[in-house]
Amino acid sequence: MWTLYRIAASFLSPFWLLALGLGQRRRFRPAERLGFLPRPSEPPVWVQAVSLGEARIALRLGAVLRSLGFPVFFTSTTAAGLEALEREGAPFSAFPLDLPSAARRALSRVRPRALILVETELWPVLIREAKRKGIPVLVVNGRLSDRALSRCLRFRSLYRRVLDGVFVGAQTEEHAARFRLLGAAPERVTVLGNLKYDLLPPPNFEEAREALARLHPGGGALWVAGSVREGEEDAVVEAHASLRASLPGARLLLAPRHLERTAAAEEACRRRGLKTVRRTTASPGEDWDVLLLDTFGELWAAYALGEAAFVGGSLVAMGGQNVLEPAYLGKPVLFGPHTENFREDAERLLASGGGFRVDSPKALAWRLESLLRDPDLARAAGLKARAAVESHRGAVERAARWVAGTVPGI
């Protein structure tokens, strides 16, 4: 299985490079993808995070590690993650391809004291090369969704070798059990909690909130649909059109998960006769029914402006997106039936009274109407959602101290 993986990775790497180049453009960084990473002045703790949400976890963890005296170096795979690292002024690079030459080159240049992988970043070649060099490998905020577990179990012999000797800090006991099932040594697996409960608004939060507020024409309740995925645009827009039939002044701030879906979301709005403008072209005082968020890094600010939030990836079978961000901001959180990627978080919000599950555009519109017609009810639900988040904070500090205590001599 190991040989098959190496052959497949080598064969597919040109196509991966092409896809990254076409999709990321100025964030492509081709030399770094081949392992030509910057050379830190001293051996750091290397933290790899795939995208925006994981990058923000990595930054929070890195801040605590630095306070404990450890230099930190970050990598990310996606344009959104790289932009978040750059915005923070952190030492960073694009993540190299999982090929022996690229992995060896990257490890030789970075010279990490330890390699930390966030959530489900199980890269077989990089992990193997790190272990060969005696570099400790740790997984923080470890989780394996139903889909990821099913995929990994099909290649169980490969992942058993990958996880041999790896330390895993899992979000929950359920995820810890899944890592053990794949082959992680039980004595190397511990439960630390979910680091996403410790997230803070991004550095541009206040500036972005003020900028978005200037675009609000005033009047009418505002709700936010964040991280809307392909196949969900029509459902969200249908719910908004239905809501406006009973609350004519209601407005929607719609944020596609991927910016390339902006045009599709705009077309869905126009088919419903909704006056739609994009964030990048809207003018203060301009009237609109739907404002499309076609920028990076402003979703938190959008959630802060809304009176209720729907989190996407959940009305379609994509496992859901992060339901904790609007909850942290004290907003009632709505989501669909597909929350497998955030099962524990969704259930926690439901139990608190701050979260609401909907299974159709009609149900979404009905729940929104009940909240937007009664601001006191919406505020009370939002406070419950925030309390659910606040009661589970502290995982970042635990994870940093686990890293420091797990790696000998770090």
Protein backbone atom coordinates (compact mmCIF):
# COMPACT_ATOMS: atom_id res chain seq x y z
CA MET A 1 0.00 0.00 0.00
CA TRP A 2 2.89 2.34 0.79
CA THR A 3 4.44 1.79 -2.64
CA LEU A 4 1.07 2.30 -4.32
CA TYR A 5 0.61 5.62 -2.47
CA ARG A 6 4.03 6.87 -3.57
CA ILE A 7 3.38 5.93 -7.18
CA ALA A 8 -0.05 7.59 -7.13
CA ALA A 9 1.31 10.74 -5.46
CA SER A 10 4.13 11.02 -8.01
CA PHE A 11 1.76 10.48 -10.92
CA LEU A 12 -0.82 12.99 -9.67
CA SER A 13 1.60 15.69 -8.50
CA PRO A 14 1.76 17.54 -11.87
CA PHE A 15 -2.04 17.71 -11.93
CA TRP A 16 -2.11 18.94 -8.32
CA LEU A 17 0.43 21.62 -9.17
CA LEU A 18 -1.63 22.66 -12.18
CA ALA A 19 -4.82 22.82 -10.10
CA LEU A 20 -3.06 24.90 -7.43
CA GLY A 21 -1.62 27.23 -10.04
CA LEU A 22 -4.97 27.80 -11.74
CA GLY A 23 -6.94 28.10 -8.51
CA GLN A 24 -4.56 30.12 -6.35
CA ARG A 25 -2.61 32.29 -8.78
CA ARG A 26 -0.60 34.71 -6.64
CA ARG A 27 -0.83 32.28 -3.71
CA PHE A 28 0.57 29.42 -5.80
CA ARG A 29 4.22 29.79 -4.61
CA PRO A 30 5.52 26.95 -6.85
CA ALA A 31 9.03 26.76 -5.38
CA GLU A 32 7.61 26.21 -1.90
CA ARG A 33 5.26 23.53 -3.23
CA LEU A 34 8.40 21.65 -4.29
CA GLY A 35 9.95 21.94 -0.84
CA PHE A 36 12.03 25.12 -1.20
CA LEU A 37 10.74 26.59 2.05
CA PRO A 38 12.35 29.57 3.81
CA ARG A 39 15.12 28.77 6.28
CA PRO A 40 14.11 29.94 9.78
CA SER A 41 16.91 31.49 11.83
CA GLU A 42 16.46 28.82 14.52
CA PRO A 43 14.74 25.43 14.51
CA PRO A 44 11.01 26.05 15.02
CA VAL A 45 7.91 24.06 15.79
CA TRP A 46 6.38 23.57 12.33
CA VAL A 47 2.56 23.82 12.33
CA GLN A 48 0.63 22.76 9.20
CA ALA A 49 -3.00 23.82 8.68
CA VAL A 50 -4.93 23.12 5.51
CA SER A 51 -7.26 26.13 5.18
CA LEU A 52 -8.65 29.26 6.83
CA GLY A 53 -10.32 27.71 9.89
CA GLU A 54 -7.35 25.46 10.66
CA ALA A 55 -4.90 28.31 10.03
CA ARG A 56 -6.65 30.41 12.63
CA ILE A 57 -6.40 27.51 15.10
CA ALA A 58 -2.70 27.20 14.25
CA LEU A 59 -2.15 30.90 14.90
CA ARG A 60 -3.83 30.72 18.32
CA LEU A 61 -1.77 27.65 19.24
CA GLY A 62 1.37 29.30 17.91
CA ALA A 63 0.81 32.38 20.07
CA VAL A 64 0.72 30.26 23.22
CA LEU A 65 3.74 28.21 22.12
CA ARG A 66 5.69 31.42 21.56
CA SER A 67 4.73 32.60 25.04
CA LEU A 68 6.28 29.36 26.31
CA GLY A 69 9.50 30.18 24.48
CA PHE A 70 9.21 28.17 21.26
CA PRO A 71 9.72 29.69 17.80
CA VAL A 72 6.91 28.68 15.42
CA PHE A 73 6.76 28.33 11.63
CA PHE A 74 3.46 27.87 9.76
CA THR A 75 2.39 26.33 6.48
CA SER A 76 -0.99 26.14 4.80
CA THR A 77 -2.29 24.43 1.67
CA THR A 78 -4.96 26.85 0.48
CA ALA A 79 -5.06 30.48 -0.60
CA ALA A 80 -7.42 31.36 2.26
CA GLY A 81 -5.12 29.80 4.83
CA LEU A 82 -2.04 31.51 3.39
CA GLU A 83 -3.81 34.87 3.40
CA ALA A 84 -4.72 34.44 7.07
CA LEU A 85 -1.10 33.66 7.96
CA GLU A 86 0.17 36.61 5.96
CA ARG A 87 -2.37 38.97 7.52
CA GLU A 88 -1.07 38.02 10.98
CA GLY A 89 2.53 38.68 9.97
CA ALA A 90 3.51 35.13 10.93
CA PRO A 91 6.54 33.34 9.44
CA PHE A 92 4.90 31.07 6.89
CA SER A 93 5.12 29.21 3.62
CA ALA A 94 2.94 27.20 1.27
CA PHE A 95 2.72 23.52 2.17
CA PRO A 96 4.88 21.29 -0.08
CA LEU A 97 3.57 18.41 -2.13
CA ASP A 98 3.60 15.06 -0.35
CA LEU A 99 6.48 13.68 -2.40
CA PRO A 100 9.74 12.25 -1.00
CA SER A 101 11.96 14.87 -2.65
CA ALA A 102 9.76 17.80 -1.60
CA ALA A 103 9.29 16.48 1.95
CA ARG A 104 13.01 15.84 2.49
CA ARG A 105 13.94 19.23 1.08
CA ALA A 106 11.36 21.03 3.24
CA LEU A 107 12.42 19.24 6.41
CA SER A 108 16.11 19.91 5.72
CA ARG A 109 15.47 23.61 5.22
CA VAL A 110 13.04 24.18 8.12
CA ARG A 111 14.85 21.84 10.59
CA PRO A 112 11.77 21.61 12.83
CA ARG A 113 11.95 20.63 16.47
CA ALA A 114 8.55 19.05 15.99
CA LEU A 115 5.94 18.76 13.25
CA ILE A 116 2.38 19.61 14.30
CA LEU A 117 -0.50 18.74 12.00
CA VAL A 118 -3.90 20.36 12.61
CA GLU A 119 -7.06 18.21 12.59
CA THR A 120 -6.85 15.63 9.75
CA GLU A 121 -3.57 16.53 8.05
CA LEU A 122 -2.21 13.00 7.75
CA TRP A 123 0.38 13.25 4.97
CA PRO A 124 2.07 9.84 4.71
CA VAL A 125 5.33 10.87 3.02
CA LEU A 126 5.99 13.96 5.14
CA ILE A 127 5.22 12.06 8.34
CA ARG A 128 7.48 9.16 7.33
CA GLU A 129 10.36 11.46 6.41
CA ALA A 130 9.97 13.40 9.68
CA LYS A 131 10.06 10.22 11.71
CA ARG A 132 13.16 9.05 9.81
CA LYS A 133 14.90 12.26 10.89
CA GLY A 134 13.82 11.74 14.49
CA ILE A 135 11.41 14.67 14.37
CA PRO A 136 8.40 14.18 16.70
CA VAL A 137 5.04 14.32 14.88
CA LEU A 138 1.89 15.46 16.66
CA VAL A 139 -1.73 15.90 15.59
CA VAL A 140 -3.60 18.67 17.42
CA ASN A 141 -7.35 19.22 17.42
CA GLY A 142 -7.46 15.78 15.87
CA ARG A 143 -10.72 14.73 14.31
CA LEU A 144 -11.85 12.17 11.76
CA SER A 145 -15.25 12.85 10.23
CA ASP A 146 -17.43 9.95 9.13
CA ARG A 147 -16.26 10.50 5.55
CA ALA A 148 -12.58 10.79 6.48
CA LEU A 149 -12.72 7.68 8.66
CA SER A 150 -14.39 5.67 5.92
CA ARG A 151 -11.75 6.78 3.41
CA CYS A 152 -8.86 6.04 5.76
CA LEU A 153 -10.21 2.60 6.70
CA ARG A 154 -10.05 1.59 3.04
CA PHE A 155 -6.28 2.15 3.31
CA ARG A 156 -5.91 0.99 6.87
CA SER A 157 -2.53 -0.68 6.37
CA LEU A 158 -1.11 2.60 5.06
CA TYR A 159 -2.47 4.72 7.91
CA ARG A 160 -1.37 2.19 10.51
CA ARG A 161 2.19 2.84 9.36
CA VAL A 162 1.56 6.59 9.19
CA LEU A 163 0.24 6.80 12.73
CA ASP A 164 2.87 4.54 14.25
CA GLY A 165 4.72 6.72 16.75
CA VAL A 166 2.54 9.79 16.15
CA PHE A 167 1.11 11.66 19.16
CA VAL A 168 -2.58 12.57 18.79
CA GLY A 169 -4.41 15.27 20.74
CA ALA A 170 -8.05 14.59 19.82
CA GLN A 171 -11.08 16.86 20.13
CA THR A 172 -13.29 14.25 21.81
CA GLU A 173 -13.19 10.67 23.01
CA GLU A 174 -15.10 9.65 19.86
CA HIS A 175 -12.35 11.07 17.64
CA ALA A 176 -9.68 9.57 19.90
CA ALA A 177 -11.26 6.14 19.43
CA ARG A 178 -11.23 6.65 15.65
CA PHE A 179 -7.51 7.41 15.64
CA ARG A 180 -6.87 4.32 17.76
CA LEU A 181 -8.96 2.29 15.32
CA LEU A 182 -6.71 3.47 12.47
CA GLY A 183 -3.61 2.35 14.32
CA ALA A 184 -2.50 5.11 16.68
CA ALA A 185 -0.99 3.71 19.86
CA PRO A 186 -3.50 4.12 22.72
CA GLU A 187 -0.85 5.51 25.08
CA ARG A 188 -0.06 8.27 22.55
CA VAL A 189 -3.67 9.44 22.14
CA THR A 190 -5.20 11.97 24.52
CA VAL A 191 -8.35 14.13 24.53
CA LEU A 192 -7.70 17.87 24.73
CA GLY A 193 -11.02 19.38 23.60
CA ASN A 194 -11.83 21.43 20.53
CA LEU A 195 -9.43 24.32 19.94
CA LYS A 196 -12.05 26.11 17.85
CA TYR A 197 -13.85 27.08 21.05
CA ASP A 198 -10.85 29.34 21.79
CA LEU A 199 -10.94 31.25 18.51
CA LEU A 200 -11.03 35.03 18.58
CA PRO A 201 -12.27 37.43 15.90
CA PRO A 202 -9.65 38.12 13.22
CA PRO A 203 -7.44 41.25 13.48
CA ASN A 204 -9.50 43.14 10.91
CA PHE A 205 -12.77 42.43 12.72
CA GLU A 206 -13.66 45.95 13.88
CA GLU A 207 -12.56 47.57 10.63
CA ALA A 208 -14.53 45.04 8.56
CA ARG A 209 -17.61 45.38 10.75
CA GLU A 210 -17.60 49.17 10.36
CA ALA A 211 -17.11 48.87 6.60
CA LEU A 212 -20.02 46.44 6.25
CA ALA A 213 -22.21 48.56 8.53
CA ARG A 214 -21.71 51.52 6.20
CA LEU A 215 -23.16 49.43 3.38
CA HIS A 216 -26.34 48.60 5.32
CA PRO A 217 -29.13 50.78 3.89
CA GLY A 218 -30.93 50.72 7.26
CA GLY A 219 -34.37 49.44 8.11
CA GLY A 220 -35.44 45.82 8.09
CA ALA A 221 -33.98 42.88 9.95
CA LEU A 222 -30.68 41.46 8.68
CA TRP A 223 -29.72 37.80 8.72
CA VAL A 224 -26.54 36.14 7.49
CA ALA A 225 -26.02 32.94 5.52
CA GLY A 226 -22.36 32.02 5.88
CA SER A 227 -20.19 29.41 4.16
CA VAL A 228 -22.97 28.54 1.70
CA ARG A 229 -21.91 25.61 -0.47
CA GLU A 230 -22.66 24.57 -4.02
CA GLY A 231 -26.25 23.37 -4.29
CA GLU A 232 -27.36 25.47 -1.31
CA GLU A 233 -27.61 28.86 -2.97
CA ASP A 234 -31.10 28.24 -4.34
CA ALA A 235 -32.38 26.94 -0.99
CA VAL A 236 -31.04 29.94 0.94
CA VAL A 237 -32.39 32.41 -1.59
CA GLU A 238 -35.77 30.64 -1.64
CA ALA A 239 -35.92 30.96 2.15
CA HIS A 240 -35.11 34.66 1.94
CA ALA A 241 -37.75 35.29 -0.73
CA SER A 242 -40.30 33.49 1.45
CA LEU A 243 -39.21 35.47 4.51
CA ARG A 244 -39.63 38.77 2.66
CA ALA A 245 -43.21 37.82 1.81
CA SER A 246 -44.00 38.11 5.54
CA LEU A 247 -41.23 40.56 6.52
CA PRO A 248 -40.87 42.82 3.46
CA GLY A 249 -37.90 44.74 4.81
CA ALA A 250 -35.77 41.71 5.67
CA ARG A 251 -32.28 41.70 4.19
CA LEU A 252 -29.75 38.91 3.62
CA LEU A 253 -25.96 39.03 3.74
CA LEU A 254 -24.93 35.94 1.79
CA ALA A 255 -21.37 34.59 1.97
CA PRO A 256 -20.47 31.72 -0.39
CA ARG A 257 -17.93 29.28 1.05
CA HIS A 258 -15.84 29.63 -2.11
CA LEU A 259 -15.57 32.94 -3.95
CA GLU A 260 -15.84 31.25 -7.34
CA ARG A 261 -19.49 30.51 -6.44
CA THR A 262 -20.31 34.24 -6.18
CA ALA A 263 -21.69 34.42 -9.72
CA ALA A 264 -23.91 31.38 -9.14
CA ALA A 265 -25.24 32.88 -5.91
CA GLU A 266 -25.90 36.18 -7.65
CA GLU A 267 -27.82 34.45 -10.42
CA ALA A 268 -29.94 32.56 -7.87
CA CYS A 269 -30.87 35.88 -6.24
CA ARG A 270 -31.77 37.54 -9.51
CA ARG A 271 -33.99 34.62 -10.54
CA ARG A 272 -36.04 35.36 -7.42
CA GLY A 273 -36.27 39.05 -8.29
CA LEU A 274 -34.08 40.11 -5.37
CA LYS A 275 -32.03 43.27 -5.73
CA THR A 276 -28.48 42.02 -5.26
CA VAL A 277 -25.14 43.82 -4.94
CA ARG A 278 -21.63 42.57 -4.28
CA ARG A 279 -19.58 43.72 -1.31
CA THR A 280 -16.74 44.86 -3.57
CA THR A 281 -18.96 47.09 -5.73
CA ALA A 282 -21.62 48.23 -3.23
CA SER A 283 -21.82 51.89 -2.24
CA PRO A 284 -22.86 53.30 1.16
CA GLY A 285 -26.57 54.07 1.16
CA GLU A 286 -27.28 51.82 -1.85
CA ASP A 287 -30.48 49.82 -1.43
CA TRP A 288 -30.37 46.02 -1.68
CA ASP A 289 -32.24 42.88 -0.70
CA VAL A 290 -29.12 40.70 -0.74
CA LEU A 291 -25.51 41.71 -0.17
CA LEU A 292 -23.04 39.13 -1.53
CA LEU A 293 -19.84 38.86 0.47
CA ASP A 294 -17.21 38.36 -2.24
CA THR A 295 -14.16 39.03 -0.05
CA PHE A 296 -11.84 37.00 2.20
CA GLY A 297 -11.75 37.45 5.95
CA GLU A 298 -15.00 39.33 6.61
CA LEU A 299 -17.38 36.54 7.62
CA TRP A 300 -16.98 37.19 11.35
CA ALA A 301 -17.85 40.84 10.77
CA ALA A 302 -20.89 39.80 8.77
CA TYR A 303 -22.09 37.48 11.55
CA ALA A 304 -21.67 40.33 14.04
CA LEU A 305 -24.03 42.56 12.03
CA GLY A 306 -26.78 39.99 11.60
CA GLU A 307 -29.57 39.22 14.04
CA ALA A 308 -29.42 35.50 13.22
CA ALA A 309 -27.04 33.28 11.27
CA PHE A 310 -27.40 30.23 9.07
CA VAL A 311 -24.24 28.15 8.60
CA GLY A 312 -23.96 26.40 5.26
CA GLY A 313 -22.73 23.05 4.04
CA SER A 314 -25.57 21.61 6.09
CA LEU A 315 -28.64 21.68 3.86
CA VAL A 316 -26.61 19.63 1.38
CA ALA A 317 -24.71 16.47 2.25
CA MET A 318 -21.31 18.12 2.82
CA GLY A 319 -20.96 17.67 6.56
CA GLY A 320 -21.51 21.30 7.55
CA GLN A 321 -19.19 24.23 8.31
CA ASN A 322 -18.09 25.78 11.59
CA VAL A 323 -21.16 26.61 13.70
CA LEU A 324 -19.11 28.14 16.53
CA GLU A 325 -18.22 31.50 14.96
CA PRO A 326 -21.70 33.08 15.09
CA ALA A 327 -22.27 31.43 18.47
CA TYR A 328 -19.16 33.12 19.86
CA LEU A 329 -20.60 36.45 18.70
CA GLY A 330 -23.86 35.81 20.55
CA LYS A 331 -26.08 35.04 17.56
CA PRO A 332 -28.73 32.32 17.27
CA VAL A 333 -27.30 29.68 14.94
CA LEU A 334 -29.34 27.83 12.32
CA PHE A 335 -28.07 24.84 10.34
CA GLY A 336 -29.37 21.97 8.26
CA PRO A 337 -29.45 18.23 8.98
CA HIS A 338 -25.94 17.53 7.62
CA THR A 339 -23.55 18.52 10.42
CA GLU A 340 -21.37 15.40 10.56
CA ASN A 341 -18.15 17.44 10.53
CA PHE A 342 -19.30 19.40 13.59
CA ARG A 343 -21.63 16.87 15.21
CA GLU A 344 -20.68 17.56 18.83
CA ASP A 345 -20.76 21.35 18.37
CA ALA A 346 -24.16 21.30 16.68
CA GLU A 347 -25.63 19.04 19.35
CA ARG A 348 -24.20 21.28 22.07
CA LEU A 349 -25.84 24.35 20.54
CA LEU A 350 -29.15 22.52 20.12
CA ALA A 351 -29.09 21.42 23.76
CA SER A 352 -28.29 24.98 24.91
CA GLY A 353 -31.27 26.49 23.10
CA GLY A 354 -28.95 28.66 21.01
CA GLY A 355 -28.98 26.45 17.92
CA PHE A 356 -31.81 25.43 15.59
CA ARG A 357 -31.87 22.63 13.02
CA VAL A 358 -33.87 23.17 9.83
CA ASP A 359 -34.35 20.70 6.99
CA SER A 360 -35.76 22.78 4.14
CA PRO A 361 -36.04 26.34 2.79
CA LYS A 362 -39.56 26.53 4.25
CA ALA A 363 -38.33 25.50 7.70
CA LEU A 364 -35.44 27.96 7.47
CA ALA A 365 -37.77 30.82 6.58
CA TRP A 366 -40.18 29.92 9.38
CA ARG A 367 -37.45 29.79 12.02
CA LEU A 368 -35.94 33.06 10.81
CA GLU A 369 -39.32 34.78 10.92
CA SER A 370 -39.89 33.66 14.52
CA LEU A 371 -36.49 35.06 15.55
CA LEU A 372 -36.54 38.27 13.54
CA ARG A 373 -40.08 39.19 14.62
CA ASP A 374 -39.04 38.88 18.26
CA PRO A 375 -35.66 40.56 18.91
CA ASP A 376 -35.80 39.60 22.59
CA LEU A 377 -36.13 35.93 21.63
CA ALA A 378 -33.22 36.23 19.19
CA ARG A 379 -31.02 37.91 21.80
CA ALA A 380 -31.84 35.28 24.41
CA ALA A 381 -31.02 32.45 21.99
CA GLY A 382 -27.78 34.19 21.03
CA LEU A 383 -26.73 34.49 24.66
CA LYS A 384 -27.37 30.77 25.13
CA ALA A 385 -25.25 30.00 22.07
CA ARG A 386 -22.40 32.12 23.39
CA ALA A 387 -22.62 30.53 26.84
CA ALA A 388 -22.28 27.10 25.21
CA VAL A 389 -19.04 28.25 23.57
CA GLU A 390 -17.66 29.97 26.66
CA SER A 391 -18.15 26.88 28.83
CA HIS A 392 -15.80 24.82 26.65
CA ARG A 393 -12.87 27.20 26.20
CA GLY A 394 -9.32 26.41 27.31
CA ALA A 395 -8.26 23.75 24.79
CA VAL A 396 -5.55 25.90 23.16
CA GLU A 397 -3.70 26.31 26.45
CA ARG A 398 -4.05 22.58 27.17
CA ALA A 399 -2.80 21.70 23.71
CA ALA A 400 0.25 23.98 23.93
CA ARG A 401 1.27 22.54 27.28
CA TRP A 402 0.65 19.01 25.95
CA VAL A 403 2.98 19.75 23.04
CA ALA A 404 5.63 21.15 25.39
CA GLY A 405 5.31 18.17 27.73
CA THR A 406 5.06 15.49 25.04
CA VAL A 407 8.17 16.25 23.01
CA PRO A 408 11.38 15.52 24.94
CA GLY A 409 13.72 18.49 25.05
CA ILE A 410 11.38 20.83 23.25
